[in-house]
Amino acid sequence: DLFNWMWPQIVQRSLDDFVNYWNDHKIRTQRNKLLPSGVSSNYIYDFPEQCGLTNFTTSVDADLVEALRENIPKSRQECYRWVSDEFEAKAWA
């Protein structure tokens, strides 16, 4: 149980750190390139117009998302639970 409690947290933290690093690092500047360079992926996502792109993001109604989630038999928290409630309580104590 200890392994099942610790390992997912360690892996998730490492994955989160890598995603943050990767999305924040600047792509080297390249001439004659169709896509933006010299900026990070996060910058391109946040300011597409400043990179010569069009912002095609679409707002999603939060009530609609909640209604769809109610149709899923298990919660996200239940699906990502690797140990019993009792073990987790003892591990955090």
N, C-alpha and C. Protein backbone atom coordinates (compact mmCIF):
# COMPACT_ATOMS: atom_id res chain seq x y z
N ASP A 1 0.81 -1.21 0.00
CA ASP A 1 0.00 0.00 0.00
C ASP A 1 0.85 1.27 0.00
N LEU A 2 1.97 1.22 0.72
CA LEU A 2 2.83 2.41 0.78
C LEU A 2 3.32 2.79 -0.62
N PHE A 3 3.74 1.79 -1.39
CA PHE A 3 4.19 2.06 -2.76
C PHE A 3 3.05 2.66 -3.58
N ASN A 4 1.86 2.08 -3.49
CA ASN A 4 0.70 2.57 -4.25
C ASN A 4 0.27 3.96 -3.82
N TRP A 5 0.60 4.35 -2.62
CA TRP A 5 0.27 5.69 -2.13
C TRP A 5 1.32 6.71 -2.58
N MET A 6 2.60 6.33 -2.51
CA MET A 6 3.68 7.28 -2.81
C MET A 6 3.96 7.41 -4.31
N TRP A 7 4.05 6.30 -5.02
CA TRP A 7 4.53 6.32 -6.40
C TRP A 7 3.69 7.20 -7.32
N PRO A 8 2.36 7.12 -7.33
CA PRO A 8 1.59 8.01 -8.21
C PRO A 8 1.86 9.49 -7.94
N GLN A 9 2.05 9.85 -6.69
CA GLN A 9 2.34 11.25 -6.36
C GLN A 9 3.71 11.68 -6.89
N ILE A 10 4.68 10.80 -6.77
CA ILE A 10 6.03 11.10 -7.26
C ILE A 10 6.01 11.25 -8.78
N VAL A 11 5.36 10.32 -9.45
CA VAL A 11 5.30 10.37 -10.92
C VAL A 11 4.55 11.61 -11.37
N GLN A 12 3.40 11.91 -10.74
CA GLN A 12 2.61 13.07 -11.16
C GLN A 12 3.38 14.37 -10.96
N ARG A 13 4.09 14.49 -9.85
CA ARG A 13 4.88 15.70 -9.61
C ARG A 13 5.97 15.85 -10.67
N SER A 14 6.62 14.76 -11.02
CA SER A 14 7.65 14.81 -12.06
C SER A 14 7.06 15.17 -13.41
N LEU A 15 5.91 14.60 -13.73
CA LEU A 15 5.24 14.94 -15.00
C LEU A 15 4.83 16.40 -15.03
N ASP A 16 4.26 16.90 -13.93
CA ASP A 16 3.86 18.31 -13.87
C ASP A 16 5.06 19.23 -14.05
N ASP A 17 6.18 18.89 -13.39
CA ASP A 17 7.39 19.70 -13.52
C ASP A 17 7.88 19.72 -14.97
N PHE A 18 7.87 18.56 -15.62
CA PHE A 18 8.33 18.49 -17.00
C PHE A 18 7.42 19.29 -17.92
N VAL A 19 6.11 19.16 -17.76
CA VAL A 19 5.16 19.90 -18.60
C VAL A 19 5.37 21.40 -18.44
N ASN A 20 5.55 21.86 -17.20
CA ASN A 20 5.80 23.29 -16.97
C ASN A 20 7.10 23.73 -17.63
N TYR A 21 8.15 22.94 -17.47
CA TYR A 21 9.43 23.27 -18.10
C TYR A 21 9.28 23.33 -19.62
N TRP A 22 8.68 22.30 -20.19
CA TRP A 22 8.59 22.19 -21.65
C TRP A 22 7.76 23.31 -22.24
N ASN A 23 6.63 23.61 -21.62
CA ASN A 23 5.75 24.64 -22.17
C ASN A 23 6.27 26.05 -21.93
N ASP A 24 7.18 26.23 -20.98
CA ASP A 24 7.73 27.56 -20.69
C ASP A 24 9.06 27.83 -21.39
N HIS A 25 9.72 26.79 -21.92
CA HIS A 25 11.02 27.05 -22.56
C HIS A 25 10.81 27.67 -23.94
N LYS A 26 11.72 28.57 -24.28
CA LYS A 26 11.63 29.24 -25.58
C LYS A 26 12.17 28.33 -26.68
N ILE A 27 11.43 28.29 -27.77
CA ILE A 27 11.87 27.55 -28.95
C ILE A 27 12.91 28.43 -29.65
N ARG A 28 14.00 27.85 -30.11
CA ARG A 28 15.03 28.67 -30.73
C ARG A 28 14.48 29.39 -31.96
N THR A 29 14.99 30.58 -32.20
CA THR A 29 14.56 31.38 -33.35
C THR A 29 15.05 30.73 -34.64
N GLN A 30 14.16 30.58 -35.60
CA GLN A 30 14.50 29.99 -36.89
C GLN A 30 13.92 30.87 -38.00
N ARG A 31 14.74 31.19 -38.96
CA ARG A 31 14.28 31.99 -40.09
C ARG A 31 13.53 31.11 -41.08
N ASN A 32 12.72 31.75 -41.91
CA ASN A 32 11.98 31.07 -42.98
C ASN A 32 11.14 29.91 -42.45
N LYS A 33 10.55 30.11 -41.28
CA LYS A 33 9.72 29.08 -40.67
C LYS A 33 8.28 29.56 -40.68
N LEU A 34 7.34 28.70 -41.00
CA LEU A 34 5.94 29.09 -41.04
C LEU A 34 5.36 29.33 -39.65
N LEU A 35 5.74 28.50 -38.70
CA LEU A 35 5.21 28.62 -37.35
C LEU A 35 6.11 29.52 -36.50
N PRO A 36 5.57 30.07 -35.40
CA PRO A 36 6.36 30.97 -34.56
C PRO A 36 7.58 30.28 -33.95
N SER A 37 8.65 31.05 -33.77
CA SER A 37 9.83 30.56 -33.07
C SER A 37 10.38 31.71 -32.23
N GLY A 38 11.25 31.39 -31.30
CA GLY A 38 11.83 32.41 -30.44
C GLY A 38 10.97 32.72 -29.22
N VAL A 39 9.87 32.01 -29.06
CA VAL A 39 8.98 32.20 -27.90
C VAL A 39 8.56 30.83 -27.37
N SER A 40 7.95 30.82 -26.19
CA SER A 40 7.52 29.55 -25.59
C SER A 40 6.13 29.15 -26.09
N SER A 41 5.81 27.88 -25.91
CA SER A 41 4.48 27.39 -26.28
C SER A 41 3.40 28.10 -25.49
N ASN A 42 3.66 28.37 -24.21
CA ASN A 42 2.68 29.09 -23.40
C ASN A 42 2.43 30.48 -23.95
N TYR A 43 3.48 31.15 -24.40
CA TYR A 43 3.32 32.50 -24.96
C TYR A 43 2.47 32.44 -26.23
N ILE A 44 2.73 31.46 -27.07
CA ILE A 44 1.95 31.31 -28.30
C ILE A 44 0.49 31.05 -27.97
N TYR A 45 0.23 30.22 -26.97
CA TYR A 45 -1.14 29.91 -26.57
C TYR A 45 -1.83 31.16 -26.00
N ASP A 46 -1.12 31.91 -25.15
CA ASP A 46 -1.71 33.08 -24.51
C ASP A 46 -1.87 34.27 -25.44
N PHE A 47 -0.95 34.44 -26.39
CA PHE A 47 -0.95 35.61 -27.28
C PHE A 47 -0.80 35.19 -28.75
N PRO A 48 -1.72 34.42 -29.29
CA PRO A 48 -1.55 33.94 -30.67
C PRO A 48 -1.49 35.08 -31.69
N GLU A 49 -2.25 36.14 -31.44
CA GLU A 49 -2.27 37.25 -32.40
C GLU A 49 -0.91 37.92 -32.53
N GLN A 50 -0.15 37.98 -31.43
CA GLN A 50 1.18 38.60 -31.47
C GLN A 50 2.18 37.72 -32.22
N CYS A 51 1.78 36.50 -32.49
CA CYS A 51 2.65 35.57 -33.24
C CYS A 51 2.14 35.38 -34.66
N GLY A 52 1.20 36.22 -35.07
CA GLY A 52 0.65 36.12 -36.42
C GLY A 52 -0.34 34.98 -36.59
N LEU A 53 -0.92 34.51 -35.49
CA LEU A 53 -1.88 33.41 -35.54
C LEU A 53 -3.27 33.91 -35.16
N THR A 54 -4.25 33.07 -35.31
CA THR A 54 -5.62 33.40 -34.94
C THR A 54 -6.01 32.60 -33.70
N ASN A 55 -6.66 33.26 -32.76
CA ASN A 55 -7.10 32.60 -31.54
C ASN A 55 -8.43 31.88 -31.82
N PHE A 56 -8.39 30.57 -31.84
CA PHE A 56 -9.59 29.78 -32.11
C PHE A 56 -10.13 29.11 -30.84
N THR A 57 -9.70 29.56 -29.65
CA THR A 57 -10.22 28.96 -28.43
C THR A 57 -11.72 29.20 -28.34
N THR A 58 -12.40 28.27 -27.71
CA THR A 58 -13.86 28.34 -27.58
C THR A 58 -14.24 28.19 -26.12
N SER A 59 -15.08 29.08 -25.64
CA SER A 59 -15.57 28.98 -24.26
C SER A 59 -16.55 27.82 -24.17
N VAL A 60 -16.50 27.13 -23.05
CA VAL A 60 -17.41 26.01 -22.82
C VAL A 60 -18.24 26.34 -21.59
N ASP A 61 -19.54 26.13 -21.69
CA ASP A 61 -20.45 26.41 -20.59
C ASP A 61 -20.16 25.46 -19.43
N ALA A 62 -19.82 26.01 -18.27
CA ALA A 62 -19.47 25.19 -17.10
C ALA A 62 -20.65 24.33 -16.66
N ASP A 63 -21.87 24.83 -16.81
CA ASP A 63 -23.05 24.03 -16.43
C ASP A 63 -23.18 22.80 -17.32
N LEU A 64 -22.86 22.94 -18.59
CA LEU A 64 -22.91 21.81 -19.51
C LEU A 64 -21.87 20.75 -19.13
N VAL A 65 -20.68 21.20 -18.78
CA VAL A 65 -19.63 20.27 -18.35
C VAL A 65 -20.07 19.53 -17.10
N GLU A 66 -20.64 20.25 -16.15
CA GLU A 66 -21.11 19.63 -14.91
C GLU A 66 -22.21 18.61 -15.20
N ALA A 67 -23.13 18.94 -16.10
CA ALA A 67 -24.20 18.01 -16.46
C ALA A 67 -23.63 16.74 -17.09
N LEU A 68 -22.62 16.87 -17.92
CA LEU A 68 -21.99 15.70 -18.53
C LEU A 68 -21.26 14.86 -17.49
N ARG A 69 -20.61 15.52 -16.54
CA ARG A 69 -19.88 14.79 -15.50
C ARG A 69 -20.82 13.98 -14.61
N GLU A 70 -22.04 14.47 -14.44
CA GLU A 70 -23.01 13.75 -13.61
C GLU A 70 -23.38 12.41 -14.23
N ASN A 71 -23.16 12.23 -15.54
CA ASN A 71 -23.46 10.97 -16.21
C ASN A 71 -22.35 9.94 -16.06
N ILE A 72 -21.21 10.34 -15.54
CA ILE A 72 -20.09 9.42 -15.35
C ILE A 72 -20.27 8.74 -13.99
N PRO A 73 -20.26 7.40 -13.95
CA PRO A 73 -20.56 6.70 -12.70
C PRO A 73 -19.54 6.91 -11.58
N LYS A 74 -18.29 7.17 -11.92
CA LYS A 74 -17.26 7.38 -10.88
C LYS A 74 -16.67 8.77 -11.02
N SER A 75 -16.32 9.36 -9.89
CA SER A 75 -15.69 10.68 -9.90
C SER A 75 -14.22 10.54 -10.30
N ARG A 76 -13.64 11.65 -10.67
CA ARG A 76 -12.21 11.66 -11.01
C ARG A 76 -11.39 11.21 -9.80
N GLN A 77 -11.79 11.69 -8.63
CA GLN A 77 -11.07 11.33 -7.40
C GLN A 77 -11.12 9.82 -7.16
N GLU A 78 -12.27 9.20 -7.38
CA GLU A 78 -12.39 7.76 -7.19
C GLU A 78 -11.49 6.99 -8.17
N CYS A 79 -11.43 7.47 -9.40
CA CYS A 79 -10.63 6.78 -10.42
C CYS A 79 -9.14 6.89 -10.15
N TYR A 80 -8.72 7.93 -9.45
CA TYR A 80 -7.30 8.12 -9.16
C TYR A 80 -6.94 7.71 -7.74
N ARG A 81 -7.78 6.96 -7.09
CA ARG A 81 -7.50 6.49 -5.74
C ARG A 81 -6.79 5.15 -5.84
N TRP A 82 -5.62 5.06 -5.23
CA TRP A 82 -4.80 3.86 -5.34
C TRP A 82 -4.77 3.05 -4.05
N VAL A 83 -5.23 3.64 -2.95
CA VAL A 83 -5.23 2.96 -1.65
C VAL A 83 -6.57 3.23 -0.96
N SER A 84 -6.81 2.50 0.11
CA SER A 84 -8.06 2.68 0.85
C SER A 84 -8.05 4.02 1.60
N ASP A 85 -9.24 4.49 1.96
CA ASP A 85 -9.36 5.73 2.73
C ASP A 85 -8.62 5.61 4.07
N GLU A 86 -8.71 4.43 4.68
CA GLU A 86 -8.06 4.21 5.98
C GLU A 86 -6.54 4.33 5.86
N PHE A 87 -5.98 3.70 4.82
CA PHE A 87 -4.53 3.78 4.65
C PHE A 87 -4.10 5.21 4.37
N GLU A 88 -4.83 5.91 3.51
CA GLU A 88 -4.46 7.28 3.19
C GLU A 88 -4.49 8.17 4.43
N ALA A 89 -5.49 8.00 5.28
CA ALA A 89 -5.58 8.79 6.51
C ALA A 89 -4.37 8.52 7.41
N LYS A 90 -3.98 7.26 7.52
CA LYS A 90 -2.80 6.92 8.34
C LYS A 90 -1.52 7.46 7.71
N ALA A 91 -1.43 7.41 6.40
CA ALA A 91 -0.22 7.87 5.71
C ALA A 91 -0.02 9.36 5.88
N TRP A 92 -1.10 10.13 5.87
CA TRP A 92 -1.00 11.58 6.02
C TRP A 92 -0.84 12.00 7.48
N ALA A 93 -1.13 11.10 8.43
CA ALA A 93 -1.06 11.45 9.86
C ALA A 93 0.36 11.61 10.34
